[in-house]
Amino acid sequence: MRGGELDLASDGDGARLRLRVSAGASRSKVLGVHGGALKLSVKAPPERGKANREVLALVAEAFGLEKGDVEIVSGETSPDKVVRLSIPGKEAALRAAGFPRR
């Protein structure tokens, strides 16, 4: 997928989603979709897992899931992360339809 489309990959009964995260921002929010990744800003600093916990909470809220239904599968120490959602890719795409496109 290109441009403003979210790149979701099926993963068994769930979906994998690429993220681009800016930690230490003035507020936490979903910025939109850019280059296939969901761009986020989180207020927490990137230390001792604080930003990652906030990322999980923000993604869960954005997709209408519980925090335990989202896990980081790669990129724990990087701004480029991959998370797994506990919902199928088609359902995730439907829920993401309202995210801003860049």
PDB file of N, CA and C in Angstrom:
ATOM      1  N   MET A   1       0.841  -1.188   0.000  1.00  0.00           N
ATOM      2  CA  MET A   1       0.000   0.000   0.000  1.00  0.00           C
ATOM      3  C   MET A   1       0.876   1.238   0.000  1.00  0.00           C
ATOM      4  N   ARG A   2       0.408   2.295  -0.626  1.00  0.00           N
ATOM      5  CA  ARG A   2       1.228   3.489  -0.756  1.00  0.00           C
ATOM      6  C   ARG A   2       0.495   4.719  -0.269  1.00  0.00           C
ATOM      7  N   GLY A   3       1.298   5.779  -0.121  1.00  0.00           N
ATOM      8  CA  GLY A   3       0.708   7.067   0.232  1.00  0.00           C
ATOM      9  C   GLY A   3      -0.019   7.027   1.546  1.00  0.00           C
ATOM     10  N   GLY A   4      -1.295   7.383   1.508  1.00  0.00           N
ATOM     11  CA  GLY A   4      -2.066   7.499   2.725  1.00  0.00           C
ATOM     12  C   GLY A   4      -2.806   6.257   3.147  1.00  0.00           C
ATOM     13  N   GLU A   5      -2.450   5.100   2.562  1.00  0.00           N
ATOM     14  CA  GLU A   5      -3.112   3.866   2.965  1.00  0.00           C
ATOM     15  C   GLU A   5      -2.309   3.173   4.050  1.00  0.00           C
ATOM     16  N   LEU A   6      -2.999   2.646   5.047  1.00  0.00           N
ATOM     17  CA  LEU A   6      -2.367   1.947   6.150  1.00  0.00           C
ATOM     18  C   LEU A   6      -1.956   0.555   5.706  1.00  0.00           C
ATOM     19  N   ASP A   7      -0.723   0.185   5.957  1.00  0.00           N
ATOM     20  CA  ASP A   7      -0.180  -1.114   5.581  1.00  0.00           C
ATOM     21  C   ASP A   7      -0.439  -2.100   6.714  1.00  0.00           C
ATOM     22  N   LEU A   8      -1.480  -2.922   6.545  1.00  0.00           N
ATOM     23  CA  LEU A   8      -1.836  -3.935   7.537  1.00  0.00           C
ATOM     24  C   LEU A   8      -1.532  -5.309   6.965  1.00  0.00           C
ATOM     25  N   ALA A   9      -0.920  -6.181   7.754  1.00  0.00           N
ATOM     26  CA  ALA A   9      -0.609  -7.543   7.320  1.00  0.00           C
ATOM     27  C   ALA A   9      -1.327  -8.527   8.231  1.00  0.00           C
ATOM     28  N   SER A  10      -1.938  -9.531   7.639  1.00  0.00           N
ATOM     29  CA  SER A  10      -2.596 -10.566   8.437  1.00  0.00           C
ATOM     30  C   SER A  10      -1.552 -11.365   9.195  1.00  0.00           C
ATOM     31  N   ASP A  11      -1.920 -11.755  10.393  1.00  0.00           N
ATOM     32  CA  ASP A  11      -1.032 -12.522  11.267  1.00  0.00           C
ATOM     33  C   ASP A  11      -1.892 -13.519  12.032  1.00  0.00           C
ATOM     34  N   GLY A  12      -2.205 -14.638  11.406  1.00  0.00           N
ATOM     35  CA  GLY A  12      -3.105 -15.601  12.034  1.00  0.00           C
ATOM     36  C   GLY A  12      -4.481 -14.983  12.188  1.00  0.00           C
ATOM     37  N   ASP A  13      -4.953 -14.896  13.413  1.00  0.00           N
ATOM     38  CA  ASP A  13      -6.264 -14.285  13.679  1.00  0.00           C
ATOM     39  C   ASP A  13      -6.134 -12.808  14.046  1.00  0.00           C
ATOM     40  N   GLY A  14      -4.957 -12.244  13.829  1.00  0.00           N
ATOM     41  CA  GLY A  14      -4.726 -10.834  14.133  1.00  0.00           C
ATOM     42  C   GLY A  14      -4.138 -10.094  12.950  1.00  0.00           C
ATOM     43  N   ALA A  15      -3.612  -8.912  13.213  1.00  0.00           N
ATOM     44  CA  ALA A  15      -3.014  -8.084  12.159  1.00  0.00           C
ATOM     45  C   ALA A  15      -1.766  -7.405  12.692  1.00  0.00           C
ATOM     46  N   ARG A  16      -0.806  -7.204  11.817  1.00  0.00           N
ATOM     47  CA  ARG A  16       0.404  -6.453  12.154  1.00  0.00           C
ATOM     48  C   ARG A  16       0.332  -5.092  11.501  1.00  0.00           C
ATOM     49  N   LEU A  17       0.805  -4.109  12.235  1.00  0.00           N
ATOM     50  CA  LEU A  17       0.701  -2.717  11.826  1.00  0.00           C
ATOM     51  C   LEU A  17       2.032  -2.032  12.092  1.00  0.00           C
ATOM     52  N   ARG A  18       2.525  -1.274  11.103  1.00  0.00           N
ATOM     53  CA  ARG A  18       3.755  -0.494  11.290  1.00  0.00           C
ATOM     54  C   ARG A  18       3.407   0.845  11.931  1.00  0.00           C
ATOM     55  N   LEU A  19       4.268   1.273  12.852  1.00  0.00           N
ATOM     56  CA  LEU A  19       4.111   2.562  13.530  1.00  0.00           C
ATOM     57  C   LEU A  19       5.371   3.392  13.356  1.00  0.00           C
ATOM     58  N   ARG A  20       5.178   4.694  13.362  1.00  0.00           N
ATOM     59  CA  ARG A  20       6.296   5.652  13.455  1.00  0.00           C
ATOM     60  C   ARG A  20       5.971   6.530  14.646  1.00  0.00           C
ATOM     61  N   VAL A  21       6.800   6.485  15.678  1.00  0.00           N
ATOM     62  CA  VAL A  21       6.490   7.114  16.963  1.00  0.00           C
ATOM     63  C   VAL A  21       7.469   8.233  17.291  1.00  0.00           C
ATOM     64  N   SER A  22       6.925   9.356  17.745  1.00  0.00           N
ATOM     65  CA  SER A  22       7.723  10.451  18.297  1.00  0.00           C
ATOM     66  C   SER A  22       7.434  10.507  19.789  1.00  0.00           C
ATOM     67  N   ALA A  23       8.452  10.239  20.594  1.00  0.00           N
ATOM     68  CA  ALA A  23       8.289  10.264  22.048  1.00  0.00           C
ATOM     69  C   ALA A  23       8.687  11.623  22.595  1.00  0.00           C
ATOM     70  N   GLY A  24       8.192  11.954  23.776  1.00  0.00           N
ATOM     71  CA  GLY A  24       8.519  13.215  24.417  1.00  0.00           C
ATOM     72  C   GLY A  24       7.794  14.398  23.795  1.00  0.00           C
ATOM     73  N   ALA A  25       6.653  14.159  23.179  1.00  0.00           N
ATOM     74  CA  ALA A  25       5.880  15.222  22.532  1.00  0.00           C
ATOM     75  C   ALA A  25       5.084  16.007  23.578  1.00  0.00           C
ATOM     76  N   SER A  26       4.482  17.096  23.156  1.00  0.00           N
ATOM     77  CA  SER A  26       3.693  17.908  24.079  1.00  0.00           C
ATOM     78  C   SER A  26       2.376  17.236  24.462  1.00  0.00           C
ATOM     79  N   ARG A  27       1.877  16.342  23.576  1.00  0.00           N
ATOM     80  CA  ARG A  27       0.685  15.564  23.919  1.00  0.00           C
ATOM     81  C   ARG A  27       0.660  14.285  23.100  1.00  0.00           C
ATOM     82  N   SER A  28      -0.112  13.329  23.558  1.00  0.00           N
ATOM     83  CA  SER A  28      -0.223  12.050  22.873  1.00  0.00           C
ATOM     84  C   SER A  28      -1.402  12.073  21.923  1.00  0.00           C
ATOM     85  N   LYS A  29      -1.134  11.663  20.659  1.00  0.00           N
ATOM     86  CA  LYS A  29      -2.227  11.613  19.697  1.00  0.00           C
ATOM     87  C   LYS A  29      -1.818  10.833  18.456  1.00  0.00           C
ATOM     88  N   VAL A  30      -2.832  10.384  17.713  1.00  0.00           N
ATOM     89  CA  VAL A  30      -2.614   9.767  16.413  1.00  0.00           C
ATOM     90  C   VAL A  30      -2.488  10.911  15.418  1.00  0.00           C
ATOM     91  N   LEU A  31      -1.363  10.964  14.721  1.00  0.00           N
ATOM     92  CA  LEU A  31      -1.119  12.044  13.770  1.00  0.00           C
ATOM     93  C   LEU A  31      -1.677  11.730  12.384  1.00  0.00           C
ATOM     94  N   GLY A  32      -1.735  10.456  12.050  1.00  0.00           N
ATOM     95  CA  GLY A  32      -2.273  10.057  10.755  1.00  0.00           C
ATOM     96  C   GLY A  32      -1.478   8.935  10.133  1.00  0.00           C
ATOM     97  N   VAL A  33      -1.789   8.662   8.888  1.00  0.00           N
ATOM     98  CA  VAL A  33      -1.140   7.595   8.139  1.00  0.00           C
ATOM     99  C   VAL A  33      -0.195   8.233   7.128  1.00  0.00           C
ATOM    100  N   HIS A  34       1.043   7.771   7.121  1.00  0.00           N
ATOM    101  CA  HIS A  34       2.027   8.288   6.180  1.00  0.00           C
ATOM    102  C   HIS A  34       2.959   7.153   5.771  1.00  0.00           C
ATOM    103  N   GLY A  35       3.078   6.934   4.470  1.00  0.00           N
ATOM    104  CA  GLY A  35       3.976   5.891   3.991  1.00  0.00           C
ATOM    105  C   GLY A  35       3.602   4.507   4.462  1.00  0.00           C
ATOM    106  N   GLY A  36       2.333   4.264   4.689  1.00  0.00           N
ATOM    107  CA  GLY A  36       1.851   2.963   5.125  1.00  0.00           C
ATOM    108  C   GLY A  36       1.890   2.745   6.630  1.00  0.00           C
ATOM    109  N   ALA A  37       2.552   3.630   7.360  1.00  0.00           N
ATOM    110  CA  ALA A  37       2.672   3.493   8.817  1.00  0.00           C
ATOM    111  C   ALA A  37       1.726   4.458   9.523  1.00  0.00           C
ATOM    112  N   LEU A  38       1.297   4.082  10.702  1.00  0.00           N
ATOM    113  CA  LEU A  38       0.493   4.966  11.540  1.00  0.00           C
ATOM    114  C   LEU A  38       1.458   5.813  12.356  1.00  0.00           C
ATOM    115  N   LYS A  39       1.370   7.132  12.188  1.00  0.00           N
ATOM    116  CA  LYS A  39       2.251   8.047  12.921  1.00  0.00           C
ATOM    117  C   LYS A  39       1.582   8.455  14.224  1.00  0.00           C
ATOM    118  N   LEU A  40       2.349   8.363  15.306  1.00  0.00           N
ATOM    119  CA  LEU A  40       1.866   8.709  16.644  1.00  0.00           C
ATOM    120  C   LEU A  40       2.844   9.648  17.322  1.00  0.00           C
ATOM    121  N   SER A  41       2.320  10.452  18.222  1.00  0.00           N
ATOM    122  CA  SER A  41       3.188  11.176  19.148  1.00  0.00           C
ATOM    123  C   SER A  41       2.726  10.788  20.543  1.00  0.00           C
ATOM    124  N   VAL A  42       3.696  10.575  21.428  1.00  0.00           N
ATOM    125  CA  VAL A  42       3.368  10.252  22.818  1.00  0.00           C
ATOM    126  C   VAL A  42       4.107  11.207  23.726  1.00  0.00           C
ATOM    127  N   LYS A  43       3.463  11.567  24.799  1.00  0.00           N
ATOM    128  CA  LYS A  43       4.018  12.524  25.750  1.00  0.00           C
ATOM    129  C   LYS A  43       5.161  11.918  26.575  1.00  0.00           C
ATOM    130  N   ALA A  44       5.061  10.636  26.865  1.00  0.00           N
ATOM    131  CA  ALA A  44       6.054   9.971  27.712  1.00  0.00           C
ATOM    132  C   ALA A  44       7.436   9.981  27.061  1.00  0.00           C
ATOM    133  N   PRO A  45       8.477  10.090  27.888  1.00  0.00           N
ATOM    134  CA  PRO A  45       9.841  10.044  27.350  1.00  0.00           C
ATOM    135  C   PRO A  45      10.230   8.604  26.993  1.00  0.00           C
ATOM    136  N   PRO A  46      11.190   8.444  26.088  1.00  0.00           N
ATOM    137  CA  PRO A  46      11.612   7.095  25.696  1.00  0.00           C
ATOM    138  C   PRO A  46      12.602   6.490  26.696  1.00  0.00           C
ATOM    139  N   GLU A  47      12.144   6.267  27.902  1.00  0.00           N
ATOM    140  CA  GLU A  47      13.014   5.693  28.933  1.00  0.00           C
ATOM    141  C   GLU A  47      12.235   4.694  29.777  1.00  0.00           C
ATOM    142  N   ARG A  48      12.910   3.594  30.076  1.00  0.00           N
ATOM    143  CA  ARG A  48      12.345   2.535  30.942  1.00  0.00           C
ATOM    144  C   ARG A  48      10.963   2.065  30.474  1.00  0.00           C
ATOM    145  N   GLY A  49      10.718   2.058  29.176  1.00  0.00           N
ATOM    146  CA  GLY A  49       9.461   1.529  28.646  1.00  0.00           C
ATOM    147  C   GLY A  49       8.259   2.438  28.761  1.00  0.00           C
ATOM    148  N   LYS A  50       8.458   3.655  29.257  1.00  0.00           N
ATOM    149  CA  LYS A  50       7.326   4.573  29.442  1.00  0.00           C
ATOM    150  C   LYS A  50       6.634   4.895  28.122  1.00  0.00           C
ATOM    151  N   ALA A  51       7.410   5.240  27.104  1.00  0.00           N
ATOM    152  CA  ALA A  51       6.817   5.587  25.805  1.00  0.00           C
ATOM    153  C   ALA A  51       6.116   4.372  25.199  1.00  0.00           C
ATOM    154  N   ASN A  52       6.718   3.188  25.305  1.00  0.00           N
ATOM    155  CA  ASN A  52       6.095   1.991  24.746  1.00  0.00           C
ATOM    156  C   ASN A  52       4.754   1.687  25.406  1.00  0.00           C
ATOM    157  N   ARG A  53       4.666   1.860  26.706  1.00  0.00           N
ATOM    158  CA  ARG A  53       3.381   1.633  27.394  1.00  0.00           C
ATOM    159  C   ARG A  53       2.330   2.614  26.889  1.00  0.00           C
ATOM    160  N   GLU A  54       2.736   3.848  26.678  1.00  0.00           N
ATOM    161  CA  GLU A  54       1.809   4.854  26.172  1.00  0.00           C
ATOM    162  C   GLU A  54       1.414   4.562  24.719  1.00  0.00           C
ATOM    163  N   VAL A  55       2.360   4.073  23.934  1.00  0.00           N
ATOM    164  CA  VAL A  55       2.068   3.676  22.546  1.00  0.00           C
ATOM    165  C   VAL A  55       0.993   2.596  22.533  1.00  0.00           C
ATOM    166  N   LEU A  56       1.166   1.566  23.360  1.00  0.00           N
ATOM    167  CA  LEU A  56       0.192   0.472  23.406  1.00  0.00           C
ATOM    168  C   LEU A  56      -1.191   0.982  23.802  1.00  0.00           C
ATOM    169  N   ALA A  57      -1.236   1.858  24.785  1.00  0.00           N
ATOM    170  CA  ALA A  57      -2.522   2.407  25.223  1.00  0.00           C
ATOM    171  C   ALA A  57      -3.168   3.248  24.127  1.00  0.00           C
ATOM    172  N   LEU A  58      -2.382   4.050  23.428  1.00  0.00           N
ATOM    173  CA  LEU A  58      -2.909   4.923  22.377  1.00  0.00           C
ATOM    174  C   LEU A  58      -3.421   4.104  21.188  1.00  0.00           C
ATOM    175  N   VAL A  59      -2.664   3.098  20.772  1.00  0.00           N
ATOM    176  CA  VAL A  59      -3.100   2.253  19.663  1.00  0.00           C
ATOM    177  C   VAL A  59      -4.358   1.482  20.051  1.00  0.00           C
ATOM    178  N   ALA A  60      -4.385   0.960  21.267  1.00  0.00           N
ATOM    179  CA  ALA A  60      -5.574   0.237  21.722  1.00  0.00           C
ATOM    180  C   ALA A  60      -6.801   1.144  21.686  1.00  0.00           C
ATOM    181  N   GLU A  61      -6.666   2.349  22.184  1.00  0.00           N
ATOM    182  CA  GLU A  61      -7.782   3.298  22.181  1.00  0.00           C
ATOM    183  C   GLU A  61      -8.213   3.631  20.753  1.00  0.00           C
ATOM    184  N   ALA A  62      -7.246   3.852  19.870  1.00  0.00           N
ATOM    185  CA  ALA A  62      -7.552   4.230  18.481  1.00  0.00           C
ATOM    186  C   ALA A  62      -8.320   3.127  17.753  1.00  0.00           C
ATOM    187  N   PHE A  63      -8.045   1.874  18.086  1.00  0.00           N
ATOM    188  CA  PHE A  63      -8.701   0.753  17.420  1.00  0.00           C
ATOM    189  C   PHE A  63      -9.849   0.157  18.238  1.00  0.00           C
ATOM    190  N   GLY A  64     -10.179   0.769  19.381  1.00  0.00           N
ATOM    191  CA  GLY A  64     -11.280   0.273  20.210  1.00  0.00           C
ATOM    192  C   GLY A  64     -10.982  -1.062  20.856  1.00  0.00           C
ATOM    193  N   LEU A  65      -9.729  -1.256  21.267  1.00  0.00           N
ATOM    194  CA  LEU A  65      -9.299  -2.506  21.886  1.00  0.00           C
ATOM    195  C   LEU A  65      -8.861  -2.277  23.325  1.00  0.00           C
ATOM    196  N   GLU A  66      -8.707  -3.352  24.051  1.00  0.00           N
ATOM    197  CA  GLU A  66      -8.108  -3.295  25.386  1.00  0.00           C
ATOM    198  C   GLU A  66      -6.589  -3.227  25.219  1.00  0.00           C
ATOM    199  N   LYS A  67      -5.890  -2.667  26.209  1.00  0.00           N
ATOM    200  CA  LYS A  67      -4.430  -2.556  26.117  1.00  0.00           C
ATOM    201  C   LYS A  67      -3.769  -3.915  25.895  1.00  0.00           C
ATOM    202  N   GLY A  68      -4.309  -4.951  26.494  1.00  0.00           N
ATOM    203  CA  GLY A  68      -3.740  -6.294  26.351  1.00  0.00           C
ATOM    204  C   GLY A  68      -3.931  -6.899  24.968  1.00  0.00           C
ATOM    205  N   ASP A  69      -4.722  -6.253  24.121  1.00  0.00           N
ATOM    206  CA  ASP A  69      -4.977  -6.752  22.770  1.00  0.00           C
ATOM    207  C   ASP A  69      -4.003  -6.178  21.742  1.00  0.00           C
ATOM    208  N   VAL A  70      -3.008  -5.429  22.223  1.00  0.00           N
ATOM    209  CA  VAL A  70      -1.990  -4.835  21.349  1.00  0.00           C
ATOM    210  C   VAL A  70      -0.633  -5.168  21.958  1.00  0.00           C
ATOM    211  N   GLU A  71       0.288  -5.661  21.123  1.00  0.00           N
ATOM    212  CA  GLU A  71       1.638  -5.947  21.623  1.00  0.00           C
ATOM    213  C   GLU A  71       2.681  -5.496  20.614  1.00  0.00           C
ATOM    214  N   ILE A  72       3.805  -5.051  21.120  1.00  0.00           N
ATOM    215  CA  ILE A  72       4.919  -4.664  20.262  1.00  0.00           C
ATOM    216  C   ILE A  72       5.663  -5.937  19.890  1.00  0.00           C
ATOM    217  N   VAL A  73       5.805  -6.180  18.577  1.00  0.00           N
ATOM    218  CA  VAL A  73       6.508  -7.380  18.124  1.00  0.00           C
ATOM    219  C   VAL A  73       7.905  -7.066  17.604  1.00  0.00           C
ATOM    220  N   SER A  74       8.165  -5.816  17.253  1.00  0.00           N
ATOM    221  CA  SER A  74       9.532  -5.413  16.908  1.00  0.00           C
ATOM    222  C   SER A  74       9.674  -3.903  17.057  1.00  0.00           C
ATOM    223  N   GLY A  75      10.912  -3.491  17.313  1.00  0.00           N
ATOM    224  CA  GLY A  75      11.212  -2.070  17.416  1.00  0.00           C
ATOM    225  C   GLY A  75      11.018  -1.464  18.789  1.00  0.00           C
ATOM    226  N   GLU A  76      11.180  -2.248  19.841  1.00  0.00           N
ATOM    227  CA  GLU A  76      10.962  -1.716  21.192  1.00  0.00           C
ATOM    228  C   GLU A  76      11.809  -0.493  21.501  1.00  0.00           C
ATOM    229  N   THR A  77      13.005  -0.429  20.967  1.00  0.00           N
ATOM    230  CA  THR A  77      13.885   0.709  21.257  1.00  0.00           C
ATOM    231  C   THR A  77      14.023   1.658  20.073  1.00  0.00           C
ATOM    232  N   SER A  78      13.166   1.518  19.096  1.00  0.00           N
ATOM    233  CA  SER A  78      13.230   2.322  17.876  1.00  0.00           C
ATOM    234  C   SER A  78      11.944   3.126  17.693  1.00  0.00           C
ATOM    235  N   PRO A  79      12.000   4.246  16.976  1.00  0.00           N
ATOM    236  CA  PRO A  79      10.767   4.971  16.663  1.00  0.00           C
ATOM    237  C   PRO A  79       9.919   4.227  15.631  1.00  0.00           C
ATOM    238  N   ASP A  80      10.540   3.301  14.880  1.00  0.00           N
ATOM    239  CA  ASP A  80       9.808   2.470  13.920  1.00  0.00           C
ATOM    240  C   ASP A  80       9.483   1.145  14.594  1.00  0.00           C
ATOM    241  N   LYS A  81       8.204   0.908  14.803  1.00  0.00           N
ATOM    242  CA  LYS A  81       7.759  -0.270  15.530  1.00  0.00           C
ATOM    243  C   LYS A  81       6.764  -1.056  14.695  1.00  0.00           C
ATOM    244  N   VAL A  82       6.590  -2.316  15.051  1.00  0.00           N
ATOM    245  CA  VAL A  82       5.518  -3.140  14.508  1.00  0.00           C
ATOM    246  C   VAL A  82       4.744  -3.664  15.695  1.00  0.00           C
ATOM    247  N   VAL A  83       3.422  -3.479  15.641  1.00  0.00           N
ATOM    248  CA  VAL A  83       2.561  -3.999  16.702  1.00  0.00           C
ATOM    249  C   VAL A  83       1.617  -5.033  16.116  1.00  0.00           C
ATOM    250  N   ARG A  84       1.168  -5.931  16.977  1.00  0.00           N
ATOM    251  CA  ARG A  84       0.175  -6.922  16.592  1.00  0.00           C
ATOM    252  C   ARG A  84      -1.126  -6.568  17.292  1.00  0.00           C
ATOM    253  N   LEU A  85      -2.190  -6.492  16.495  1.00  0.00           N
ATOM    254  CA  LEU A  85      -3.535  -6.247  17.004  1.00  0.00           C
ATOM    255  C   LEU A  85      -4.259  -7.577  17.060  1.00  0.00           C
ATOM    256  N   SER A  86      -5.124  -7.763  18.042  1.00  0.00           N
ATOM    257  CA  SER A  86      -5.823  -9.038  18.204  1.00  0.00           C
ATOM    258  C   SER A  86      -7.103  -9.117  17.376  1.00  0.00           C
ATOM    259  N   ILE A  87      -7.176  -8.331  16.302  1.00  0.00           N
ATOM    260  CA  ILE A  87      -8.331  -8.380  15.409  1.00  0.00           C
ATOM    261  C   ILE A  87      -7.830  -8.640  13.983  1.00  0.00           C
ATOM    262  N   PRO A  88      -8.654  -9.269  13.146  1.00  0.00           N
ATOM    263  CA  PRO A  88      -8.235  -9.539  11.771  1.00  0.00           C
ATOM    264  C   PRO A  88      -7.931  -8.255  11.003  1.00  0.00           C
ATOM    265  N   GLY A  89      -7.089  -8.373   9.977  1.00  0.00           N
ATOM    266  CA  GLY A  89      -6.675  -7.221   9.183  1.00  0.00           C
ATOM    267  C   GLY A  89      -7.829  -6.448   8.581  1.00  0.00           C
ATOM    268  N   LYS A  90      -8.854  -7.148   8.095  1.00  0.00           N
ATOM    269  CA  LYS A  90     -10.000  -6.456   7.499  1.00  0.00           C
ATOM    270  C   LYS A  90     -10.735  -5.615   8.535  1.00  0.00           C
ATOM    271  N   GLU A  91     -10.880  -6.150   9.734  1.00  0.00           N
ATOM    272  CA  GLU A  91     -11.543  -5.391  10.810  1.00  0.00           C
ATOM    273  C   GLU A  91     -10.683  -4.197  11.216  1.00  0.00           C
ATOM    274  N   ALA A  92      -9.377  -4.388  11.304  1.00  0.00           N
ATOM    275  CA  ALA A  92      -8.475  -3.286  11.645  1.00  0.00           C
ATOM    276  C   ALA A  92      -8.549  -2.189  10.588  1.00  0.00           C
ATOM    277  N   ALA A  93      -8.606  -2.573   9.313  1.00  0.00           N
ATOM    278  CA  ALA A  93      -8.692  -1.591   8.227  1.00  0.00           C
ATOM    279  C   ALA A  93      -9.986  -0.785   8.329  1.00  0.00           C
ATOM    280  N   LEU A  94     -11.073  -1.447   8.667  1.00  0.00           N
ATOM    281  CA  LEU A  94     -12.350  -0.738   8.842  1.00  0.00           C
ATOM    282  C   LEU A  94     -12.269   0.265   9.980  1.00  0.00           C
ATOM    283  N   ARG A  95     -11.670  -0.152  11.079  1.00  0.00           N
ATOM    284  CA  ARG A  95     -11.555   0.742  12.246  1.00  0.00           C
ATOM    285  C   ARG A  95     -10.598   1.905  11.976  1.00  0.00           C
ATOM    286  N   ALA A  96      -9.629   1.696  11.086  1.00  0.00           N
ATOM    287  CA  ALA A  96      -8.641   2.737  10.780  1.00  0.00           C
ATOM    288  C   ALA A  96      -9.101   3.684   9.680  1.00  0.00           C
ATOM    289  N   ALA A  97     -10.253   3.435   9.108  1.00  0.00           N
ATOM    290  CA  ALA A  97     -10.715   4.215   7.954  1.00  0.00           C
ATOM    291  C   ALA A  97     -10.809   5.720   8.275  1.00  0.00           C
ATOM    292  N   GLY A  98     -11.032   6.093   9.514  1.00  0.00           N
ATOM    293  CA  GLY A  98     -11.186   7.498   9.861  1.00  0.00           C
ATOM    294  C   GLY A  98      -9.884   8.213  10.220  1.00  0.00           C
ATOM    295  N   PHE A  99      -8.759   7.514  10.214  1.00  0.00           N
ATOM    296  CA  PHE A  99      -7.495   8.155  10.549  1.00  0.00           C
ATOM    297  C   PHE A  99      -7.114   9.150   9.453  1.00  0.00           C
ATOM    298  N   PRO A 100      -6.549  10.288   9.825  1.00  0.00           N
ATOM    299  CA  PRO A 100      -6.116  11.259   8.807  1.00  0.00           C
ATOM    300  C   PRO A 100      -5.050  10.672   7.900  1.00  0.00           C
ATOM    301  N   ARG A 101      -5.086  11.025   6.627  1.00  0.00           N
ATOM    302  CA  ARG A 101      -4.080  10.576   5.651  1.00  0.00           C
ATOM    303  C   ARG A 101      -3.180  11.750   5.312  1.00  0.00           C
ATOM    304  N   ARG A 102      -1.904  11.499   5.157  1.00  0.00           N
ATOM    305  CA  ARG A 102      -0.928  12.540   4.845  1.00  0.00           C
ATOM    306  C   ARG A 102      -0.292  12.273   3.509  1.00  0.00           C
TER     307      ARG A 102
END
